[in-house]
C-alpha atoms as a PDB file:
ATOM      1  CA  MET A   1     181.038 154.476 148.524  1.00  0.00           C
ATOM      2  CA  LEU A   2     177.445 153.549 148.999  1.00  0.00           C
ATOM      3  CA  LYS A   3     176.305 150.108 148.159  1.00  0.00           C
ATOM      4  CA  GLU A   4     173.483 149.737 145.732  1.00  0.00           C
ATOM      5  CA  ASN A   5     169.994 150.105 147.301  1.00  0.00           C
ATOM      6  CA  THR A   6     171.320 151.538 150.568  1.00  0.00           C
ATOM      7  CA  LYS A   7     170.457 154.826 152.198  1.00  0.00           C
ATOM      8  CA  PRO A   8     173.201 157.306 153.084  1.00  0.00           C
ATOM      9  CA  SER A   9     174.038 157.618 156.754  1.00  0.00           C
ATOM     10  CA  ILE A  10     173.250 160.757 158.725  1.00  0.00           C
ATOM     11  CA  LEU A  11     176.943 161.690 158.557  1.00  0.00           C
ATOM     12  CA  GLN A  12     176.998 161.293 154.768  1.00  0.00           C
ATOM     13  CA  THR A  13     173.807 163.342 154.466  1.00  0.00           C
ATOM     14  CA  ARG A  14     175.299 166.135 156.591  1.00  0.00           C
ATOM     15  CA  LEU A  15     178.545 166.103 154.584  1.00  0.00           C
ATOM     16  CA  ILE A  16     176.586 166.400 151.348  1.00  0.00           C
ATOM     17  CA  ALA A  17     174.538 169.278 152.816  1.00  0.00           C
ATOM     18  CA  TRP A  18     177.689 171.107 153.970  1.00  0.00           C
ATOM     19  CA  ALA A  19     179.275 170.590 150.547  1.00  0.00           C
ATOM     20  CA  LEU A  20     176.220 172.108 148.866  1.00  0.00           C
ATOM     21  CA  ILE A  21     176.286 175.067 151.268  1.00  0.00           C
ATOM     22  CA  GLY A  22     180.001 175.534 150.524  1.00  0.00           C
ATOM     23  CA  VAL A  23     179.364 175.541 146.782  1.00  0.00           C
ATOM     24  CA  SER A  24     176.520 178.043 147.290  1.00  0.00           C
ATOM     25  CA  VAL A  25     178.812 180.337 149.289  1.00  0.00           C
ATOM     26  CA  LEU A  26     181.444 180.130 146.541  1.00  0.00           C
ATOM     27  CA  ILE A  27     178.857 180.996 143.884  1.00  0.00           C
ATOM     28  CA  VAL A  28     177.639 184.001 145.888  1.00  0.00           C
ATOM     29  CA  PHE A  29     181.248 185.088 146.473  1.00  0.00           C
ATOM     30  CA  PHE A  30     182.076 184.712 142.770  1.00  0.00           C
ATOM     31  CA  PHE A  31     179.078 186.793 141.685  1.00  0.00           C
ATOM     32  CA  SER A  32     179.876 189.451 144.281  1.00  0.00           C
ATOM     33  CA  LEU A  33     183.174 189.963 142.417  1.00  0.00           C
ATOM     34  CA  ASN A  34     181.726 189.823 138.909  1.00  0.00           C
ATOM     35  CA  PRO A  35     182.160 192.552 136.277  1.00  0.00           C
ATOM     36  CA  TRP A  36     178.418 193.293 136.264  1.00  0.00           C
ATOM     37  CA  GLN A  37     178.489 194.459 139.865  1.00  0.00           C
ATOM     38  CA  ASN A  38     178.469 198.177 139.010  1.00  0.00           C
ATOM     39  CA  THR A  39     175.501 197.712 136.694  1.00  0.00           C
ATOM     40  CA  LEU A  40     173.562 195.905 139.384  1.00  0.00           C
ATOM     41  CA  GLN A  41     174.420 198.595 141.901  1.00  0.00           C
ATOM     42  CA  ALA A  42     173.260 201.339 139.520  1.00  0.00           C
ATOM     43  CA  GLN A  43     169.924 199.561 139.101  1.00  0.00           C
ATOM     44  CA  THR A  44     169.610 199.177 142.853  1.00  0.00           C
ATOM     45  CA  VAL A  45     170.323 202.875 143.391  1.00  0.00           C
ATOM     46  CA  SER A  46     167.638 203.915 140.897  1.00  0.00           C
ATOM     47  CA  LEU A  47     165.122 201.587 142.528  1.00  0.00           C
ATOM     48  CA  ASP A  48     165.874 203.140 145.905  1.00  0.00           C
ATOM     49  CA  ASN A  49     164.799 206.516 144.521  1.00  0.00           C
ATOM     50  CA  PRO A  50     161.039 206.772 144.032  1.00  0.00           C
ATOM     51  CA  TRP A  51     159.429 208.250 140.939  1.00  0.00           C
ATOM     52  CA  GLN A  52     158.557 211.954 141.299  1.00  0.00           C
ATOM     53  CA  ASN A  53     155.508 213.321 139.449  1.00  0.00           C
ATOM     54  CA  MET A  54     156.716 216.175 137.221  1.00  0.00           C
ATOM     55  CA  GLY A  55     153.382 217.141 135.625  1.00  0.00           C
ATOM     56  CA  THR A  56     152.524 216.763 131.943  1.00  0.00           C
ATOM     57  CA  ASP A  57     155.271 218.766 130.200  1.00  0.00           C
ATOM     58  CA  VAL A  58     156.833 215.956 128.174  1.00  0.00           C
ATOM     59  CA  THR A  59     159.380 218.379 126.647  1.00  0.00           C
ATOM     60  CA  GLN A  60     161.282 218.619 129.966  1.00  0.00           C
ATOM     61  CA  ILE A  61     162.600 215.099 129.354  1.00  0.00           C
ATOM     62  CA  CYS A  62     164.746 216.445 126.509  1.00  0.00           C
ATOM     63  CA  THR A  63     166.153 219.556 128.184  1.00  0.00           C
ATOM     64  CA  GLY A  64     169.627 218.044 128.518  1.00  0.00           C
ATOM     65  CA  GLY A  65     172.100 218.939 131.237  1.00  0.00           C
ATOM     66  CA  SER A  66     171.406 217.344 134.602  1.00  0.00           C
ATOM     67  CA  ALA A  67     167.953 216.265 133.385  1.00  0.00           C
ATOM     68  CA  ALA A  68     169.666 213.863 130.989  1.00  0.00           C
ATOM     69  CA  THR A  69     172.555 212.754 133.198  1.00  0.00           C
ATOM     70  CA  ASP A  70     171.103 212.666 136.714  1.00  0.00           C
ATOM     71  CA  TYR A  71     167.604 211.265 136.135  1.00  0.00           C
ATOM     72  CA  GLU A  72     165.772 208.346 134.627  1.00  0.00           C
ATOM     73  CA  TRP A  73     162.505 209.495 133.020  1.00  0.00           C
ATOM     74  CA  GLY A  74     159.183 207.739 132.670  1.00  0.00           C
ATOM     75  CA  VAL A  75     155.522 208.335 131.881  1.00  0.00           C
ATOM     76  CA  THR A  76     152.089 206.962 132.557  1.00  0.00           C
ATOM     77  CA  TYR A  77     149.662 207.065 129.665  1.00  0.00           C
ATOM     78  CA  ASN A  78     146.432 205.094 129.382  1.00  0.00           C
ATOM     79  CA  ASN A  79     147.398 203.615 132.737  1.00  0.00           C
ATOM     80  CA  ALA A  80     147.947 204.723 136.298  1.00  0.00           C
ATOM     81  CA  SER A  81     150.774 202.272 136.867  1.00  0.00           C
ATOM     82  CA  PRO A  82     153.428 201.162 136.198  1.00  0.00           C
ATOM     83  CA  VAL A  83     155.593 204.064 135.146  1.00  0.00           C
ATOM     84  CA  LEU A  84     156.958 203.249 131.669  1.00  0.00           C
ATOM     85  CA  ARG A  85     160.559 204.276 130.973  1.00  0.00           C
ATOM     86  CA  VAL A  86     161.175 206.694 128.102  1.00  0.00           C
ATOM     87  CA  THR A  87     164.064 207.962 126.049  1.00  0.00           C
ATOM     88  CA  CYS A  88     164.535 211.232 124.157  1.00  0.00           C
ATOM     89  CA  ASN A  89     166.140 211.499 120.735  1.00  0.00           C
ATOM     90  CA  THR A  90     166.494 213.950 117.879  1.00  0.00           C
ATOM     91  CA  TRP A  91     166.712 213.422 114.141  1.00  0.00           C
ATOM     92  CA  ASN A  92     167.721 216.496 112.160  1.00  0.00           C
ATOM     93  CA  THR A  93     164.884 218.658 113.519  1.00  0.00           C
ATOM     94  CA  GLY A  94     162.576 218.197 116.449  1.00  0.00           C
ATOM     95  CA  GLN A  95     162.571 215.895 119.412  1.00  0.00           C
ATOM     96  CA  ARG A  96     160.938 212.589 120.187  1.00  0.00           C
ATOM     97  CA  VAL A  97     160.153 210.853 123.479  1.00  0.00           C
ATOM     98  CA  CYS A  98     159.239 207.163 123.254  1.00  0.00           C
ATOM     99  CA  THR A  99     158.475 204.448 125.764  1.00  0.00           C
ATOM    100  CA  TYR A 100     160.860 201.509 125.934  1.00  0.00           C
ATOM    101  CA  PRO A 101     161.075 198.601 126.072  1.00  0.00           C
ATOM    102  CA  PRO A 102     158.061 197.776 123.910  1.00  0.00           C
ATOM    103  CA  TYR A 103     155.070 196.241 125.661  1.00  0.00           C
ATOM    104  CA  PRO A 104     152.066 194.227 124.412  1.00  0.00           C
ATOM    105  CA  THR A 105     149.516 196.507 122.747  1.00  0.00           C
ATOM    106  CA  GLY A 106     146.011 196.087 121.411  1.00  0.00           C
ATOM    107  CA  ASP A 107     142.682 195.002 122.809  1.00  0.00           C
ATOM    108  CA  SER A 108     142.202 191.887 120.679  1.00  0.00           C
ATOM    109  CA  GLN A 109     144.231 189.481 118.601  1.00  0.00           C
ATOM    110  CA  PRO A 110     146.648 189.800 117.085  1.00  0.00           C
ATOM    111  CA  PHE A 111     148.368 191.567 119.975  1.00  0.00           C
ATOM    112  CA  THR A 112     151.540 193.356 118.922  1.00  0.00           C
ATOM    113  CA  TRP A 113     154.584 194.790 120.641  1.00  0.00           C
ATOM    114  CA  GLY A 114     154.731 198.561 120.691  1.00  0.00           C
ATOM    115  CA  GLY A 115     154.522 201.706 122.760  1.00  0.00           C
ATOM    116  CA  SER A 116     153.866 205.446 122.716  1.00  0.00           C
ATOM    117  CA  CYS A 117     155.790 208.414 121.316  1.00  0.00           C
ATOM    118  CA  TRP A 118     155.420 212.175 121.615  1.00  0.00           C
ATOM    119  CA  PHE A 119     157.184 214.479 119.203  1.00  0.00           C
ATOM    120  CA  TRP A 120     157.445 218.194 118.553  1.00  0.00           C
ATOM    121  CA  GLY A 121     159.407 220.633 116.421  1.00  0.00           C
ATOM    122  CA  THR A 122     159.736 218.211 113.499  1.00  0.00           C
ATOM    123  CA  ASN A 123     159.239 218.929 109.796  1.00  0.00           C
ATOM    124  CA  SER A 124     156.015 216.875 109.936  1.00  0.00           C
ATOM    125  CA  THR A 125     152.732 218.757 109.789  1.00  0.00           C
ATOM    126  CA  TRP A 126     151.395 216.443 112.518  1.00  0.00           C
ATOM    127  CA  ASP A 127     152.983 218.440 115.315  1.00  0.00           C
ATOM    128  CA  ASP A 128     152.327 221.919 113.902  1.00  0.00           C
ATOM    129  CA  GLY A 129     150.713 223.989 116.623  1.00  0.00           C
ATOM    130  CA  CYS A 130     151.178 221.273 119.264  1.00  0.00           C
ATOM    131  CA  SER A 131     153.124 221.257 122.486  1.00  0.00           C
ATOM    132  CA  ALA A 132     153.647 217.582 121.561  1.00  0.00           C
ATOM    133  CA  TYR A 133     151.918 215.126 119.219  1.00  0.00           C
ATOM    134  CA  HIS A 134     151.072 211.620 120.448  1.00  0.00           C
ATOM    135  CA  SER A 135     151.315 208.503 118.292  1.00  0.00           C
ATOM    136  CA  TYR A 136     151.500 204.789 119.038  1.00  0.00           C
ATOM    137  CA  TYR A 137     154.116 202.587 117.458  1.00  0.00           C
ATOM    138  CA  THR A 138     153.663 198.867 116.814  1.00  0.00           C
ATOM    139  CA  GLU A 139     155.826 196.072 115.497  1.00  0.00           C
ATOM    140  CA  ASP A 140     154.664 194.333 112.322  1.00  0.00           C
ATOM    141  CA  ALA A 141     155.135 190.654 111.368  1.00  0.00           C
ATOM    142  CA  THR A 142     158.574 191.381 109.868  1.00  0.00           C
ATOM    143  CA  GLY A 143     159.868 193.026 113.072  1.00  0.00           C
ATOM    144  CA  ARG A 144     159.616 196.566 111.719  1.00  0.00           C
ATOM    145  CA  TYR A 145     158.169 199.310 113.925  1.00  0.00           C
ATOM    146  CA  ASN A 146     155.529 201.604 112.426  1.00  0.00           C
ATOM    147  CA  MET A 147     153.557 204.594 113.641  1.00  0.00           C
ATOM    148  CA  SER A 148     150.022 203.286 113.878  1.00  0.00           C
ATOM    149  CA  GLY A 149     148.030 206.395 114.773  1.00  0.00           C
ATOM    150  CA  GLY A 150     147.384 207.933 118.124  1.00  0.00           C
ATOM    151  CA  ASN A 151     145.602 210.649 120.023  1.00  0.00           C
ATOM    152  CA  GLY A 152     147.213 213.606 118.266  1.00  0.00           C
ATOM    153  CA  CYS A 153     147.956 217.104 119.499  1.00  0.00           C
ATOM    154  CA  ASN A 154     148.431 217.870 123.165  1.00  0.00           C
ATOM    155  CA  SER A 155     147.439 214.398 124.382  1.00  0.00           C
ATOM    156  CA  LEU A 156     150.111 214.406 127.046  1.00  0.00           C
ATOM    157  CA  PRO A 157     151.309 211.779 129.523  1.00  0.00           C
ATOM    158  CA  THR A 158     151.999 212.245 133.191  1.00  0.00           C
ATOM    159  CA  VAL A 159     155.782 212.651 133.397  1.00  0.00           C
ATOM    160  CA  TYR A 160     157.919 211.139 136.151  1.00  0.00           C
ATOM    161  CA  ARG A 161     161.598 211.163 136.990  1.00  0.00           C
ATOM    162  CA  ARG A 162     163.839 209.528 139.558  1.00  0.00           C
ATOM    163  CA  ARG A 163     167.415 210.215 140.482  1.00  0.00           C
ATOM    164  CA  LEU A 164     169.968 207.746 139.145  1.00  0.00           C
END
């Protein structure tokens, strides 16, 4: 034990340092065996694979097969970087590609969370005659997402993919 108002000796300081290093090694070892390891490895693998420019055909994201299972998809739109991740979904008729997660949107206050969507083949008249229709989505004060207008027909993003 140390007496009050005394400094630890060099030996005590070294023992404390070695104890901290030992605890750090145990923490690293524990997390190397954790159940999230596969998730972290999957993220590392996707980061090791660079984005490939696939042109502007946003519909290729929804083609299914190996496009859906072997690749992560992304777009650039109104920006040159970073590539924004996207997901494809269907709802009765048509297909939709939307950026996720939401990002801050707007040029002045109040800024809102939102993103971009492209859709085609729906029952809406918006996408009639379009290869894809662009619309922004934004979150309102109650947490609900709404389509808030966009650039309309054939305003396409640059599409990217990378192998998972």
